């Protein structure tokens, strides 16, 4: 069993399919049982889509990814 914080830390790798099978299953199990983490993942997916769309028009700042991840981490601890 993994904590919400651990799951959130792994969401990027989960989304990009870079997790080992056992970790992927652990994240999926957590997402299925935790509405907050599921919401964070859905928000992350939407953010990725929006970012990709916006890149067609202009480049995002170099620090956008780390700032976004920090924002998500901070707001999932509440």
C-alpha atoms as a PDB file:
ATOM      1  CA  UNK A   1       0.000   0.000   0.000  1.00  0.00           C
ATOM      2  CA  UNK A   2       1.305   3.465  -0.881  1.00  0.00           C
ATOM      3  CA  UNK A   3       0.381   6.823   0.601  1.00  0.00           C
ATOM      4  CA  UNK A   4      -1.260   9.670  -1.264  1.00  0.00           C
ATOM      5  CA  UNK A   5       2.010  11.595  -1.212  1.00  0.00           C
ATOM      6  CA  UNK A   6       3.860   8.639  -2.734  1.00  0.00           C
ATOM      7  CA  UNK A   7       1.187   8.210  -5.401  1.00  0.00           C
ATOM      8  CA  UNK A   8       1.277  11.904  -6.297  1.00  0.00           C
ATOM      9  CA  UNK A   9       5.078  11.749  -6.525  1.00  0.00           C
ATOM     10  CA  UNK A  10       4.728   8.929  -9.075  1.00  0.00           C
ATOM     11  CA  UNK A  11       1.869  10.365 -11.148  1.00  0.00           C
ATOM     12  CA  UNK A  12       4.088  11.854 -13.826  1.00  0.00           C
ATOM     13  CA  UNK A  13       5.930   8.572 -14.321  1.00  0.00           C
ATOM     14  CA  UNK A  14       2.611   6.717 -14.149  1.00  0.00           C
ATOM     15  CA  UNK A  15       1.073   8.956 -16.797  1.00  0.00           C
ATOM     16  CA  UNK A  16       4.143   8.625 -19.019  1.00  0.00           C
ATOM     17  CA  UNK A  17       4.145   4.823 -18.479  1.00  0.00           C
ATOM     18  CA  UNK A  18       7.632   4.823 -16.965  1.00  0.00           C
ATOM     19  CA  UNK A  19       6.837   2.844 -13.797  1.00  0.00           C
ATOM     20  CA  UNK A  20       7.766  -0.764 -13.173  1.00  0.00           C
ATOM     21  CA  UNK A  21       4.699  -3.040 -13.329  1.00  0.00           C
ATOM     22  CA  UNK A  22       4.487  -3.487  -9.543  1.00  0.00           C
ATOM     23  CA  UNK A  23       4.609   0.273  -8.900  1.00  0.00           C
ATOM     24  CA  UNK A  24       2.094   0.896 -11.681  1.00  0.00           C
ATOM     25  CA  UNK A  25      -0.324  -1.555 -10.037  1.00  0.00           C
ATOM     26  CA  UNK A  26       0.232   0.091  -6.648  1.00  0.00           C
ATOM     27  CA  UNK A  27      -0.559   3.528  -8.093  1.00  0.00           C
ATOM     28  CA  UNK A  28      -3.625   2.178  -9.901  1.00  0.00           C
ATOM     29  CA  UNK A  29      -4.873   0.526  -6.709  1.00  0.00           C
ATOM     30  CA  UNK A  30      -4.366   3.783  -4.822  1.00  0.00           C
ATOM     31  CA  UNK A  31      -6.101   5.856  -7.516  1.00  0.00           C
ATOM     32  CA  UNK A  32      -9.069   3.484  -7.481  1.00  0.00           C
ATOM     33  CA  UNK A  33      -9.512   3.939  -3.737  1.00  0.00           C
ATOM     34  CA  UNK A  34      -8.600   7.621  -3.315  1.00  0.00           C
ATOM     35  CA  UNK A  35     -10.764  10.305  -4.903  1.00  0.00           C
ATOM     36  CA  UNK A  36      -8.250  13.070  -4.227  1.00  0.00           C
ATOM     37  CA  UNK A  37      -5.422  11.303  -6.056  1.00  0.00           C
ATOM     38  CA  UNK A  38      -7.795  10.401  -8.885  1.00  0.00           C
ATOM     39  CA  UNK A  39      -8.752  14.078  -9.181  1.00  0.00           C
ATOM     40  CA  UNK A  40      -5.077  15.114  -9.197  1.00  0.00           C
ATOM     41  CA  UNK A  41      -4.386  12.627 -12.013  1.00  0.00           C
ATOM     42  CA  UNK A  42      -7.369  13.849 -14.043  1.00  0.00           C
ATOM     43  CA  UNK A  43      -6.240  17.442 -13.536  1.00  0.00           C
ATOM     44  CA  UNK A  44      -2.699  16.502 -14.555  1.00  0.00           C
ATOM     45  CA  UNK A  45      -3.994  14.847 -17.747  1.00  0.00           C
ATOM     46  CA  UNK A  46      -6.012  17.945 -18.633  1.00  0.00           C
ATOM     47  CA  UNK A  47      -3.013  20.143 -17.896  1.00  0.00           C
ATOM     48  CA  UNK A  48      -0.806  18.075 -20.202  1.00  0.00           C
ATOM     49  CA  UNK A  49      -3.367  18.378 -23.000  1.00  0.00           C
ATOM     50  CA  UNK A  50      -3.644  22.136 -22.487  1.00  0.00           C
ATOM     51  CA  UNK A  51       0.136  22.539 -22.380  1.00  0.00           C
ATOM     52  CA  UNK A  52       0.577  20.566 -25.588  1.00  0.00           C
ATOM     53  CA  UNK A  53      -2.073  22.692 -27.257  1.00  0.00           C
ATOM     54  CA  UNK A  54      -0.483  25.902 -26.026  1.00  0.00           C
ATOM     55  CA  UNK A  55       2.918  24.828 -27.342  1.00  0.00           C
ATOM     56  CA  UNK A  56       1.508  25.094 -30.810  1.00  0.00           C
ATOM     57  CA  UNK A  57       1.213  28.813 -30.196  1.00  0.00           C
ATOM     58  CA  UNK A  58       4.180  29.592 -27.960  1.00  0.00           C
ATOM     59  CA  UNK A  59       6.703  27.891 -25.715  1.00  0.00           C
ATOM     60  CA  UNK A  60       6.072  27.461 -21.999  1.00  0.00           C
ATOM     61  CA  UNK A  61       8.640  28.910 -19.590  1.00  0.00           C
ATOM     62  CA  UNK A  62      11.519  26.553 -18.822  1.00  0.00           C
ATOM     63  CA  UNK A  63      10.499  26.254 -15.169  1.00  0.00           C
ATOM     64  CA  UNK A  64       6.819  25.554 -15.858  1.00  0.00           C
ATOM     65  CA  UNK A  65       6.971  21.791 -15.258  1.00  0.00           C
ATOM     66  CA  UNK A  66       8.711  21.949 -11.869  1.00  0.00           C
ATOM     67  CA  UNK A  67       6.471  24.826 -10.753  1.00  0.00           C
ATOM     68  CA  UNK A  68       3.342  22.913 -11.757  1.00  0.00           C
ATOM     69  CA  UNK A  69       4.479  19.780  -9.947  1.00  0.00           C
ATOM     70  CA  UNK A  70       5.289  21.832  -6.829  1.00  0.00           C
ATOM     71  CA  UNK A  71       1.842  23.426  -7.000  1.00  0.00           C
ATOM     72  CA  UNK A  72       0.141  20.035  -7.285  1.00  0.00           C
ATOM     73  CA  UNK A  73       2.174  18.630  -4.388  1.00  0.00           C
ATOM     74  CA  UNK A  74       1.359  21.593  -2.181  1.00  0.00           C
ATOM     75  CA  UNK A  75      -2.362  21.468  -2.890  1.00  0.00           C
ATOM     76  CA  UNK A  76      -2.780  17.718  -2.453  1.00  0.00           C
ATOM     77  CA  UNK A  77      -1.478  17.858   1.125  1.00  0.00           C
ATOM     78  CA  UNK A  78      -4.481  19.839   2.312  1.00  0.00           C
END
